[in-house]
Amino acid sequence: MNSFFMCGETVKKRRGKHLRLLGMTLPLLVVLSLLNGCAEKEKFIVYGSPQNESEVEALIKEEDYVERSTVIQYDDSMLVAVQIKPWEKWKKTKLEKKLQKKFDEKYPNKDVFVSADYKIFYEANKIKKDQIEDNKLSDKITELKELAKEQT
């Protein structure tokens, strides 16, 4: 009977050690997962002619509601696909028009198309990833503009 209580005490001591270990590692795991979630992603991508890349990047970075962007430039046309920050998504259309106006004023001689639609952003990144040739790029941009006009 005496050995039974002894065994119970050692079990409690072991549990205490495990709980202390868990208590020390759990906050560490939470901090590491938060830091991993906040890791810097590639926020600005320009594909095509790099002629005014820094200007375009500065123009987009001025807008704090833009989380990530992909810009495709080809001849006299430019496709700007952006992802809006989560708390700003409910006014996505208004912010898209604001950015469109800003680009139209800055580049009056270019055919600029701005979209905050995720499917356009996804397809623009796919163009960059697939390294589409210049002769097919114009057709792909036209296809994306038509895709943006679709009602989903």
Foldseek 3Di string as FASTA:
>chain_A
DVVVVVVVVVVVVVVVVVVVVCVVVVVVVVVVVVVVVVDDDAAEEEADDCPPVVVVVVLVVVDPQFRHWYWYDADQEIEIETAGPPVCVVVQVVVQVVSVVVVCVVRVRGHYHYYNDVVLRVVRVVCVVVVDDNVCVVVSVVVSVVVRPDDD
